[in-house]
Amino acid sequence: MDCVFCKIVHKELPAQIVYEDNKVMAFKDIHPKAFYHILLVPKEHIESVNSERSEEKIKDLIFAVKHIISKEGISDYKLVFNVGKKAGQTIEHLHMHCLAGTNIQMP
């Protein structure tokens, strides 16, 4: 598979991982749009929010981000899903952006 996020999950590509469990991996965005910008991905390849089985994976991402944000001491943040190319989804692997801090730009 030629999916960048799958390669990160399988540790075939480097990433600054901030969280990992058996279902989710979170890492810093290489092109941050805010002071704090991480991406959360399910370890299983699912293309987008519109894909079958995405609901359970979205719950896993939300659970993980709540844990990360609590640990980081961040109280105000934005969660973003881009769904489809026209909406800015550049990698066809379900992922959620978590942005915090000043000067947040929409990914």
PDB file of N, CA and C in Angstrom:
ATOM      1  N   MET A   1       0.852  -1.182   0.000  1.00  0.00           N
ATOM      2  CA  MET A   1       0.000   0.000   0.000  1.00  0.00           C
ATOM      3  C   MET A   1       0.895   1.241   0.000  1.00  0.00           C
ATOM      4  N   ASP A   2       0.481   2.261  -0.703  1.00  0.00           N
ATOM      5  CA  ASP A   2       1.281   3.463  -0.855  1.00  0.00           C
ATOM      6  C   ASP A   2       0.747   4.620  -0.001  1.00  0.00           C
ATOM      7  N   CYS A   3       0.096   4.316   1.104  1.00  0.00           N
ATOM      8  CA  CYS A   3      -0.493   5.332   1.967  1.00  0.00           C
ATOM      9  C   CYS A   3       0.559   5.850   2.948  1.00  0.00           C
ATOM     10  N   VAL A   4       0.777   7.163   2.940  1.00  0.00           N
ATOM     11  CA  VAL A   4       1.768   7.779   3.818  1.00  0.00           C
ATOM     12  C   VAL A   4       1.458   7.498   5.284  1.00  0.00           C
ATOM     13  N   PHE A   5       0.195   7.613   5.680  1.00  0.00           N
ATOM     14  CA  PHE A   5      -0.155   7.396   7.078  1.00  0.00           C
ATOM     15  C   PHE A   5       0.030   5.931   7.482  1.00  0.00           C
ATOM     16  N   CYS A   6      -0.259   4.991   6.590  1.00  0.00           N
ATOM     17  CA  CYS A   6      -0.010   3.583   6.888  1.00  0.00           C
ATOM     18  C   CYS A   6       1.490   3.343   7.076  1.00  0.00           C
ATOM     19  N   LYS A   7       2.294   4.000   6.266  1.00  0.00           N
ATOM     20  CA  LYS A   7       3.750   3.854   6.403  1.00  0.00           C
ATOM     21  C   LYS A   7       4.237   4.426   7.734  1.00  0.00           C
ATOM     22  N   ILE A   8       3.630   5.510   8.185  1.00  0.00           N
ATOM     23  CA  ILE A   8       3.977   6.069   9.495  1.00  0.00           C
ATOM     24  C   ILE A   8       3.547   5.107  10.600  1.00  0.00           C
ATOM     25  N   VAL A   9       2.333   4.581  10.502  1.00  0.00           N
ATOM     26  CA  VAL A   9       1.819   3.633  11.495  1.00  0.00           C
ATOM     27  C   VAL A   9       2.730   2.407  11.594  1.00  0.00           C
ATOM     28  N   HIS A  10       3.219   1.934  10.451  1.00  0.00           N
ATOM     29  CA  HIS A  10       4.095   0.757  10.432  1.00  0.00           C
ATOM     30  C   HIS A  10       5.564   1.122  10.652  1.00  0.00           C
ATOM     31  N   LYS A  11       5.806   2.410  10.937  1.00  0.00           N
ATOM     32  CA  LYS A  11       7.145   2.927  11.244  1.00  0.00           C
ATOM     33  C   LYS A  11       8.124   2.741  10.084  1.00  0.00           C
ATOM     34  N   GLU A  12       7.567   2.827   8.870  1.00  0.00           N
ATOM     35  CA  GLU A  12       8.387   2.793   7.664  1.00  0.00           C
ATOM     36  C   GLU A  12       8.815   4.207   7.270  1.00  0.00           C
ATOM     37  N   LEU A  13       8.111   5.206   7.790  1.00  0.00           N
ATOM     38  CA  LEU A  13       8.454   6.614   7.610  1.00  0.00           C
ATOM     39  C   LEU A  13       8.554   7.254   8.986  1.00  0.00           C
ATOM     40  N   PRO A  14       9.447   8.230   9.146  1.00  0.00           N
ATOM     41  CA  PRO A  14       9.592   8.875  10.455  1.00  0.00           C
ATOM     42  C   PRO A  14       8.446   9.841  10.750  1.00  0.00           C
ATOM     43  N   ALA A  15       8.176   9.992  12.033  1.00  0.00           N
ATOM     44  CA  ALA A  15       7.177  10.966  12.493  1.00  0.00           C
ATOM     45  C   ALA A  15       7.471  11.257  13.958  1.00  0.00           C
ATOM     46  N   GLN A  16       7.063  12.442  14.390  1.00  0.00           N
ATOM     47  CA  GLN A  16       7.183  12.799  15.803  1.00  0.00           C
ATOM     48  C   GLN A  16       5.912  12.327  16.498  1.00  0.00           C
ATOM     49  N   ILE A  17       5.934  11.104  16.973  1.00  0.00           N
ATOM     50  CA  ILE A  17       4.759  10.482  17.575  1.00  0.00           C
ATOM     51  C   ILE A  17       4.548  11.041  18.977  1.00  0.00           C
ATOM     52  N   VAL A  18       3.319  11.477  19.244  1.00  0.00           N
ATOM     53  CA  VAL A  18       2.980  12.012  20.565  1.00  0.00           C
ATOM     54  C   VAL A  18       2.064  11.074  21.350  1.00  0.00           C
ATOM     55  N   TYR A  19       1.482  10.092  20.666  1.00  0.00           N
ATOM     56  CA  TYR A  19       0.579   9.149  21.333  1.00  0.00           C
ATOM     57  C   TYR A  19       0.424   7.923  20.449  1.00  0.00           C
ATOM     58  N   GLU A  20       0.331   6.768  21.111  1.00  0.00           N
ATOM     59  CA  GLU A  20       0.062   5.551  20.368  1.00  0.00           C
ATOM     60  C   GLU A  20      -0.572   4.537  21.310  1.00  0.00           C
ATOM     61  N   ASP A  21      -1.618   3.890  20.823  1.00  0.00           N
ATOM     62  CA  ASP A  21      -2.195   2.747  21.516  1.00  0.00           C
ATOM     63  C   ASP A  21      -2.448   1.677  20.461  1.00  0.00           C
ATOM     64  N   ASN A  22      -3.238   0.664  20.775  1.00  0.00           N
ATOM     65  CA  ASN A  22      -3.431  -0.418  19.806  1.00  0.00           C
ATOM     66  C   ASN A  22      -4.360  -0.050  18.651  1.00  0.00           C
ATOM     67  N   LYS A  23      -5.055   1.107  18.743  1.00  0.00           N
ATOM     68  CA  LYS A  23      -5.995   1.504  17.693  1.00  0.00           C
ATOM     69  C   LYS A  23      -5.625   2.800  16.969  1.00  0.00           C
ATOM     70  N   VAL A  24      -4.884   3.686  17.653  1.00  0.00           N
ATOM     71  CA  VAL A  24      -4.669   5.049  17.164  1.00  0.00           C
ATOM     72  C   VAL A  24      -3.199   5.446  17.282  1.00  0.00           C
ATOM     73  N   MET A  25      -2.766   6.259  16.340  1.00  0.00           N
ATOM     74  CA  MET A  25      -1.464   6.902  16.441  1.00  0.00           C
ATOM     75  C   MET A  25      -1.667   8.399  16.223  1.00  0.00           C
ATOM     76  N   ALA A  26      -0.960   9.201  17.019  1.00  0.00           N
ATOM     77  CA  ALA A  26      -1.005  10.661  16.864  1.00  0.00           C
ATOM     78  C   ALA A  26       0.416  11.167  16.709  1.00  0.00           C
ATOM     79  N   PHE A  27       0.590  12.119  15.792  1.00  0.00           N
ATOM     80  CA  PHE A  27       1.920  12.656  15.530  1.00  0.00           C
ATOM     81  C   PHE A  27       1.808  14.106  15.083  1.00  0.00           C
ATOM     82  N   LYS A  28       2.922  14.826  15.205  1.00  0.00           N
ATOM     83  CA  LYS A  28       2.937  16.236  14.832  1.00  0.00           C
ATOM     84  C   LYS A  28       2.806  16.387  13.322  1.00  0.00           C
ATOM     85  N   ASP A  29       2.028  17.365  12.911  1.00  0.00           N
ATOM     86  CA  ASP A  29       1.873  17.678  11.494  1.00  0.00           C
ATOM     87  C   ASP A  29       3.165  18.309  10.990  1.00  0.00           C
ATOM     88  N   ILE A  30       3.632  17.874   9.831  1.00  0.00           N
ATOM     89  CA  ILE A  30       4.887  18.430   9.305  1.00  0.00           C
ATOM     90  C   ILE A  30       4.703  19.826   8.708  1.00  0.00           C
ATOM     91  N   HIS A  31       3.459  20.227   8.486  1.00  0.00           N
ATOM     92  CA  HIS A  31       3.143  21.578   8.006  1.00  0.00           C
ATOM     93  C   HIS A  31       2.116  22.188   8.956  1.00  0.00           C
ATOM     94  N   PRO A  32       2.517  22.513  10.182  1.00  0.00           N
ATOM     95  CA  PRO A  32       1.535  22.961  11.188  1.00  0.00           C
ATOM     96  C   PRO A  32       0.813  24.236  10.793  1.00  0.00           C
ATOM     97  N   LYS A  33      -0.476  24.263  11.133  1.00  0.00           N
ATOM     98  CA  LYS A  33      -1.334  25.420  10.875  1.00  0.00           C
ATOM     99  C   LYS A  33      -1.686  26.139  12.174  1.00  0.00           C
ATOM    100  N   ALA A  34      -1.012  25.754  13.262  1.00  0.00           N
ATOM    101  CA  ALA A  34      -1.200  26.384  14.567  1.00  0.00           C
ATOM    102  C   ALA A  34       0.031  26.057  15.404  1.00  0.00           C
ATOM    103  N   PHE A  35       0.149  26.733  16.549  1.00  0.00           N
ATOM    104  CA  PHE A  35       1.269  26.459  17.444  1.00  0.00           C
ATOM    105  C   PHE A  35       1.308  24.976  17.806  1.00  0.00           C
ATOM    106  N   TYR A  36       0.142  24.395  18.089  1.00  0.00           N
ATOM    107  CA  TYR A  36       0.034  22.973  18.399  1.00  0.00           C
ATOM    108  C   TYR A  36      -0.836  22.343  17.324  1.00  0.00           C
ATOM    109  N   HIS A  37      -0.280  21.427  16.547  1.00  0.00           N
ATOM    110  CA  HIS A  37      -1.022  20.802  15.453  1.00  0.00           C
ATOM    111  C   HIS A  37      -0.579  19.347  15.346  1.00  0.00           C
ATOM    112  N   ILE A  38      -1.479  18.446  15.725  1.00  0.00           N
ATOM    113  CA  ILE A  38      -1.196  17.030  15.571  1.00  0.00           C
ATOM    114  C   ILE A  38      -2.256  16.382  14.691  1.00  0.00           C
ATOM    115  N   LEU A  39      -1.882  15.260  14.129  1.00  0.00           N
ATOM    116  CA  LEU A  39      -2.805  14.444  13.344  1.00  0.00           C
ATOM    117  C   LEU A  39      -3.042  13.153  14.100  1.00  0.00           C
ATOM    118  N   LEU A  40      -4.274  12.717  14.136  1.00  0.00           N
ATOM    119  CA  LEU A  40      -4.625  11.444  14.743  1.00  0.00           C
ATOM    120  C   LEU A  40      -5.186  10.546  13.664  1.00  0.00           C
ATOM    121  N   VAL A  41      -4.659   9.331  13.575  1.00  0.00           N
ATOM    122  CA  VAL A  41      -5.086   8.384  12.544  1.00  0.00           C
ATOM    123  C   VAL A  41      -5.398   7.042  13.172  1.00  0.00           C
ATOM    124  N   PRO A  42      -6.422   6.351  12.650  1.00  0.00           N
ATOM    125  CA  PRO A  42      -6.609   4.974  13.086  1.00  0.00           C
ATOM    126  C   PRO A  42      -5.490   4.132  12.477  1.00  0.00           C
ATOM    127  N   LYS A  43      -5.058   3.124  13.205  1.00  0.00           N
ATOM    128  CA  LYS A  43      -3.997   2.265  12.675  1.00  0.00           C
ATOM    129  C   LYS A  43      -4.490   1.426  11.504  1.00  0.00           C
ATOM    130  N   GLU A  44      -5.778   1.142  11.480  1.00  0.00           N
ATOM    131  CA  GLU A  44      -6.367   0.425  10.349  1.00  0.00           C
ATOM    132  C   GLU A  44      -6.630   1.417   9.226  1.00  0.00           C
ATOM    133  N   HIS A  45      -6.314   1.035   7.999  1.00  0.00           N
ATOM    134  CA  HIS A  45      -6.545   1.935   6.870  1.00  0.00           C
ATOM    135  C   HIS A  45      -8.032   2.024   6.555  1.00  0.00           C
ATOM    136  N   ILE A  46      -8.568   3.208   6.744  1.00  0.00           N
ATOM    137  CA  ILE A  46      -9.944   3.543   6.374  1.00  0.00           C
ATOM    138  C   ILE A  46      -9.839   4.865   5.636  1.00  0.00           C
ATOM    139  N   GLU A  47     -10.473   4.975   4.480  1.00  0.00           N
ATOM    140  CA  GLU A  47     -10.245   6.123   3.612  1.00  0.00           C
ATOM    141  C   GLU A  47     -10.745   7.451   4.148  1.00  0.00           C
ATOM    142  N   SER A  48     -11.955   7.497   4.719  1.00  0.00           N
ATOM    143  CA  SER A  48     -12.484   8.789   5.162  1.00  0.00           C
ATOM    144  C   SER A  48     -13.652   8.597   6.118  1.00  0.00           C
ATOM    145  N   VAL A  49     -14.195   9.707   6.576  1.00  0.00           N
ATOM    146  CA  VAL A  49     -15.385   9.690   7.428  1.00  0.00           C
ATOM    147  C   VAL A  49     -16.530   8.964   6.722  1.00  0.00           C
ATOM    148  N   ASN A  50     -16.590   9.059   5.397  1.00  0.00           N
ATOM    149  CA  ASN A  50     -17.669   8.437   4.626  1.00  0.00           C
ATOM    150  C   ASN A  50     -17.517   6.928   4.461  1.00  0.00           C
ATOM    151  N   SER A  51     -16.394   6.377   4.852  1.00  0.00           N
ATOM    152  CA  SER A  51     -16.150   4.944   4.694  1.00  0.00           C
ATOM    153  C   SER A  51     -16.939   4.115   5.698  1.00  0.00           C
ATOM    154  N   GLU A  52     -17.205   2.869   5.323  1.00  0.00           N
ATOM    155  CA  GLU A  52     -17.824   1.944   6.264  1.00  0.00           C
ATOM    156  C   GLU A  52     -16.876   1.760   7.443  1.00  0.00           C
ATOM    157  N   ARG A  53     -17.393   1.494   8.601  1.00  0.00           N
ATOM    158  CA  ARG A  53     -16.641   1.256   9.832  1.00  0.00           C
ATOM    159  C   ARG A  53     -15.953   2.510  10.366  1.00  0.00           C
ATOM    160  N   SER A  54     -16.229   3.679   9.806  1.00  0.00           N
ATOM    161  CA  SER A  54     -15.543   4.884  10.277  1.00  0.00           C
ATOM    162  C   SER A  54     -16.044   5.351  11.637  1.00  0.00           C
ATOM    163  N   GLU A  55     -17.302   5.065  11.969  1.00  0.00           N
ATOM    164  CA  GLU A  55     -17.865   5.581  13.223  1.00  0.00           C
ATOM    165  C   GLU A  55     -17.081   5.112  14.442  1.00  0.00           C
ATOM    166  N   GLU A  56     -16.765   3.841  14.509  1.00  0.00           N
ATOM    167  CA  GLU A  56     -15.999   3.315  15.646  1.00  0.00           C
ATOM    168  C   GLU A  56     -14.598   3.930  15.670  1.00  0.00           C
ATOM    169  N   LYS A  57     -14.013   4.113  14.508  1.00  0.00           N
ATOM    170  CA  LYS A  57     -12.663   4.702  14.428  1.00  0.00           C
ATOM    171  C   LYS A  57     -12.680   6.162  14.861  1.00  0.00           C
ATOM    172  N   ILE A  58     -13.742   6.879  14.527  1.00  0.00           N
ATOM    173  CA  ILE A  58     -13.862   8.279  14.950  1.00  0.00           C
ATOM    174  C   ILE A  58     -13.953   8.341  16.475  1.00  0.00           C
ATOM    175  N   LYS A  59     -14.694   7.435  17.069  1.00  0.00           N
ATOM    176  CA  LYS A  59     -14.763   7.379  18.536  1.00  0.00           C
ATOM    177  C   LYS A  59     -13.377   7.151  19.129  1.00  0.00           C
ATOM    178  N   ASP A  60     -12.600   6.257  18.524  1.00  0.00           N
ATOM    179  CA  ASP A  60     -11.243   5.991  19.001  1.00  0.00           C
ATOM    180  C   ASP A  60     -10.380   7.248  18.917  1.00  0.00           C
ATOM    181  N   LEU A  61     -10.519   8.008  17.831  1.00  0.00           N
ATOM    182  CA  LEU A  61      -9.738   9.243  17.663  1.00  0.00           C
ATOM    183  C   LEU A  61     -10.131  10.268  18.725  1.00  0.00           C
ATOM    184  N   ILE A  62     -11.424  10.406  18.975  1.00  0.00           N
ATOM    185  CA  ILE A  62     -11.902  11.363  19.984  1.00  0.00           C
ATOM    186  C   ILE A  62     -11.395  10.971  21.373  1.00  0.00           C
ATOM    187  N   PHE A  63     -11.476   9.689  21.717  1.00  0.00           N
ATOM    188  CA  PHE A  63     -10.976   9.221  22.999  1.00  0.00           C
ATOM    189  C   PHE A  63      -9.484   9.551  23.137  1.00  0.00           C
ATOM    190  N   ALA A  64      -8.717   9.279  22.093  1.00  0.00           N
ATOM    191  CA  ALA A  64      -7.270   9.527  22.123  1.00  0.00           C
ATOM    192  C   ALA A  64      -6.961  11.014  22.267  1.00  0.00           C
ATOM    193  N   VAL A  65      -7.661  11.869  21.520  1.00  0.00           N
ATOM    194  CA  VAL A  65      -7.358  13.302  21.584  1.00  0.00           C
ATOM    195  C   VAL A  65      -7.702  13.859  22.962  1.00  0.00           C
ATOM    196  N   LYS A  66      -8.762  13.380  23.566  1.00  0.00           N
ATOM    197  CA  LYS A  66      -9.105  13.833  24.914  1.00  0.00           C
ATOM    198  C   LYS A  66      -7.983  13.473  25.900  1.00  0.00           C
ATOM    199  N   HIS A  67      -7.427  12.303  25.755  1.00  0.00           N
ATOM    200  CA  HIS A  67      -6.315  11.883  26.604  1.00  0.00           C
ATOM    201  C   HIS A  67      -5.084  12.773  26.366  1.00  0.00           C
ATOM    202  N   ILE A  68      -4.757  13.005  25.107  1.00  0.00           N
ATOM    203  CA  ILE A  68      -3.578  13.808  24.756  1.00  0.00           C
ATOM    204  C   ILE A  68      -3.724  15.240  25.258  1.00  0.00           C
ATOM    205  N   ILE A  69      -4.852  15.856  24.981  1.00  0.00           N
ATOM    206  CA  ILE A  69      -5.093  17.251  25.359  1.00  0.00           C
ATOM    207  C   ILE A  69      -5.051  17.415  26.876  1.00  0.00           C
ATOM    208  N   SER A  70      -5.639  16.475  27.592  1.00  0.00           N
ATOM    209  CA  SER A  70      -5.616  16.517  29.047  1.00  0.00           C
ATOM    210  C   SER A  70      -4.179  16.454  29.568  1.00  0.00           C
ATOM    211  N   LYS A  71      -3.409  15.565  29.005  1.00  0.00           N
ATOM    212  CA  LYS A  71      -2.005  15.395  29.408  1.00  0.00           C
ATOM    213  C   LYS A  71      -1.176  16.643  29.093  1.00  0.00           C
ATOM    214  N   GLU A  72      -1.485  17.302  27.971  1.00  0.00           N
ATOM    215  CA  GLU A  72      -0.757  18.503  27.546  1.00  0.00           C
ATOM    216  C   GLU A  72      -1.212  19.755  28.296  1.00  0.00           C
ATOM    217  N   GLY A  73      -2.343  19.673  28.998  1.00  0.00           N
ATOM    218  CA  GLY A  73      -2.864  20.829  29.729  1.00  0.00           C
ATOM    219  C   GLY A  73      -3.516  21.861  28.834  1.00  0.00           C
ATOM    220  N   ILE A  74      -4.004  21.430  27.677  1.00  0.00           N
ATOM    221  CA  ILE A  74      -4.650  22.329  26.711  1.00  0.00           C
ATOM    222  C   ILE A  74      -6.159  22.275  26.942  1.00  0.00           C
ATOM    223  N   SER A  75      -6.783  23.462  27.067  1.00  0.00           N
ATOM    224  CA  SER A  75      -8.228  23.483  27.303  1.00  0.00           C
ATOM    225  C   SER A  75      -9.024  23.956  26.084  1.00  0.00           C
ATOM    226  N   ASP A  76      -8.417  24.722  25.218  1.00  0.00           N
ATOM    227  CA  ASP A  76      -9.109  25.249  24.033  1.00  0.00           C
ATOM    228  C   ASP A  76      -8.415  24.710  22.784  1.00  0.00           C
ATOM    229  N   TYR A  77      -9.192  24.050  21.944  1.00  0.00           N
ATOM    230  CA  TYR A  77      -8.610  23.447  20.750  1.00  0.00           C
ATOM    231  C   TYR A  77      -9.694  23.239  19.701  1.00  0.00           C
ATOM    232  N   LYS A  78      -9.251  22.977  18.499  1.00  0.00           N
ATOM    233  CA  LYS A  78     -10.160  22.765  17.362  1.00  0.00           C
ATOM    234  C   LYS A  78      -9.872  21.379  16.798  1.00  0.00           C
ATOM    235  N   LEU A  79     -10.933  20.638  16.474  1.00  0.00           N
ATOM    236  CA  LEU A  79     -10.815  19.342  15.817  1.00  0.00           C
ATOM    237  C   LEU A  79     -11.391  19.460  14.413  1.00  0.00           C
ATOM    238  N   VAL A  80     -10.659  18.958  13.416  1.00  0.00           N
ATOM    239  CA  VAL A  80     -11.074  19.120  12.019  1.00  0.00           C
ATOM    240  C   VAL A  80     -10.913  17.800  11.270  1.00  0.00           C
ATOM    241  N   PHE A  81     -11.961  17.424  10.535  1.00  0.00           N
ATOM    242  CA  PHE A  81     -11.904  16.340   9.563  1.00  0.00           C
ATOM    243  C   PHE A  81     -12.090  16.970   8.188  1.00  0.00           C
ATOM    244  N   ASN A  82     -11.184  16.702   7.267  1.00  0.00           N
ATOM    245  CA  ASN A  82     -11.381  17.079   5.875  1.00  0.00           C
ATOM    246  C   ASN A  82     -11.857  15.814   5.164  1.00  0.00           C
ATOM    247  N   VAL A  83     -12.982  15.899   4.463  1.00  0.00           N
ATOM    248  CA  VAL A  83     -13.570  14.717   3.840  1.00  0.00           C
ATOM    249  C   VAL A  83     -13.681  14.955   2.342  1.00  0.00           C
ATOM    250  N   GLY A  84     -12.838  14.291   1.575  1.00  0.00           N
ATOM    251  CA  GLY A  84     -12.832  14.424   0.127  1.00  0.00           C
ATOM    252  C   GLY A  84     -11.828  15.458  -0.359  1.00  0.00           C
ATOM    253  N   LYS A  85     -11.384  15.262  -1.576  1.00  0.00           N
ATOM    254  CA  LYS A  85     -10.359  16.146  -2.166  1.00  0.00           C
ATOM    255  C   LYS A  85     -10.795  17.610  -2.219  1.00  0.00           C
ATOM    256  N   LYS A  86     -12.046  17.869  -2.602  1.00  0.00           N
ATOM    257  CA  LYS A  86     -12.519  19.248  -2.716  1.00  0.00           C
ATOM    258  C   LYS A  86     -12.574  19.945  -1.362  1.00  0.00           C
ATOM    259  N   ALA A  87     -12.622  19.167  -0.279  1.00  0.00           N
ATOM    260  CA  ALA A  87     -12.652  19.736   1.073  1.00  0.00           C
ATOM    261  C   ALA A  87     -11.261  19.781   1.696  1.00  0.00           C
ATOM    262  N   GLY A  88     -10.242  19.398   0.926  1.00  0.00           N
ATOM    263  CA  GLY A  88      -8.873  19.507   1.409  1.00  0.00           C
ATOM    264  C   GLY A  88      -8.255  18.226   1.929  1.00  0.00           C
ATOM    265  N   GLN A  89      -8.932  17.078   1.772  1.00  0.00           N
ATOM    266  CA  GLN A  89      -8.330  15.815   2.205  1.00  0.00           C
ATOM    267  C   GLN A  89      -7.306  15.394   1.171  1.00  0.00           C
ATOM    268  N   THR A  90      -6.030  15.508   1.519  1.00  0.00           N
ATOM    269  CA  THR A  90      -4.958  15.197   0.569  1.00  0.00           C
ATOM    270  C   THR A  90      -4.446  13.768   0.699  1.00  0.00           C
ATOM    271  N   ILE A  91      -4.704  13.132   1.838  1.00  0.00           N
ATOM    272  CA  ILE A  91      -4.299  11.741   2.038  1.00  0.00           C
ATOM    273  C   ILE A  91      -5.556  10.927   2.323  1.00  0.00           C
ATOM    274  N   GLU A  92      -5.772   9.892   1.527  1.00  0.00           N
ATOM    275  CA  GLU A  92      -6.987   9.094   1.651  1.00  0.00           C
ATOM    276  C   GLU A  92      -6.833   8.051   2.756  1.00  0.00           C
ATOM    277  N   HIS A  93      -6.712   8.551   3.973  1.00  0.00           N
ATOM    278  CA  HIS A  93      -6.686   7.737   5.194  1.00  0.00           C
ATOM    279  C   HIS A  93      -7.362   8.610   6.234  1.00  0.00           C
ATOM    280  N   LEU A  94      -8.409   8.101   6.839  1.00  0.00           N
ATOM    281  CA  LEU A  94      -9.137   8.855   7.850  1.00  0.00           C
ATOM    282  C   LEU A  94      -8.157   9.482   8.830  1.00  0.00           C
ATOM    283  N   HIS A  95      -8.276  10.788   9.046  1.00  0.00           N
ATOM    284  CA  HIS A  95      -7.438  11.461  10.028  1.00  0.00           C
ATOM    285  C   HIS A  95      -8.137  12.700  10.553  1.00  0.00           C
ATOM    286  N   MET A  96      -7.775  13.041  11.776  1.00  0.00           N
ATOM    287  CA  MET A  96      -8.354  14.200  12.436  1.00  0.00           C
ATOM    288  C   MET A  96      -7.215  15.137  12.825  1.00  0.00           C
ATOM    289  N   HIS A  97      -7.409  16.429  12.540  1.00  0.00           N
ATOM    290  CA  HIS A  97      -6.453  17.456  12.949  1.00  0.00           C
ATOM    291  C   HIS A  97      -6.868  17.970  14.326  1.00  0.00           C
ATOM    292  N   CYS A  98      -5.910  18.147  15.201  1.00  0.00           N
ATOM    293  CA  CYS A  98      -6.136  18.815  16.477  1.00  0.00           C
ATOM    294  C   CYS A  98      -5.217  20.028  16.497  1.00  0.00           C
ATOM    295  N   LEU A  99      -5.827  21.217  16.605  1.00  0.00           N
ATOM    296  CA  LEU A  99      -5.076  22.466  16.572  1.00  0.00           C
ATOM    297  C   LEU A  99      -5.355  23.270  17.829  1.00  0.00           C
ATOM    298  N   ALA A 100      -4.310  23.896  18.368  1.00  0.00           N
ATOM    299  CA  ALA A 100      -4.468  24.720  19.549  1.00  0.00           C
ATOM    300  C   ALA A 100      -3.416  25.826  19.519  1.00  0.00           C
ATOM    301  N   GLY A 101      -3.660  26.848  20.313  1.00  0.00           N
ATOM    302  CA  GLY A 101      -2.746  27.982  20.365  1.00  0.00           C
ATOM    303  C   GLY A 101      -3.285  29.131  19.542  1.00  0.00           C
ATOM    304  N   THR A 102      -2.460  30.114  19.341  1.00  0.00           N
ATOM    305  CA  THR A 102      -2.881  31.304  18.598  1.00  0.00           C
ATOM    306  C   THR A 102      -2.664  31.118  17.099  1.00  0.00           C
ATOM    307  N   ASN A 103      -3.315  31.959  16.335  1.00  0.00           N
ATOM    308  CA  ASN A 103      -3.163  31.989  14.880  1.00  0.00           C
ATOM    309  C   ASN A 103      -3.501  30.650  14.210  1.00  0.00           C
ATOM    310  N   ILE A 104      -4.600  30.047  14.612  1.00  0.00           N
ATOM    311  CA  ILE A 104      -5.006  28.789  13.996  1.00  0.00           C
ATOM    312  C   ILE A 104      -5.491  29.054  12.589  1.00  0.00           C
ATOM    313  N   GLN A 105      -4.895  28.337  11.630  1.00  0.00           N
ATOM    314  CA  GLN A 105      -5.326  28.383  10.235  1.00  0.00           C
ATOM    315  C   GLN A 105      -6.035  27.068   9.945  1.00  0.00           C
ATOM    316  N   MET A 106      -7.081  27.125   9.182  1.00  0.00           N
ATOM    317  CA  MET A 106      -7.800  25.893   8.872  1.00  0.00           C
ATOM    318  C   MET A 106      -6.982  25.060   7.894  1.00  0.00           C
ATOM    319  N   PRO A 107      -6.778  23.770   8.241  1.00  0.00           N
ATOM    320  CA  PRO A 107      -6.029  22.888   7.307  1.00  0.00           C
ATOM    321  C   PRO A 107      -6.879  22.514   6.118  1.00  0.00           C
TER     322      PRO A 107
END
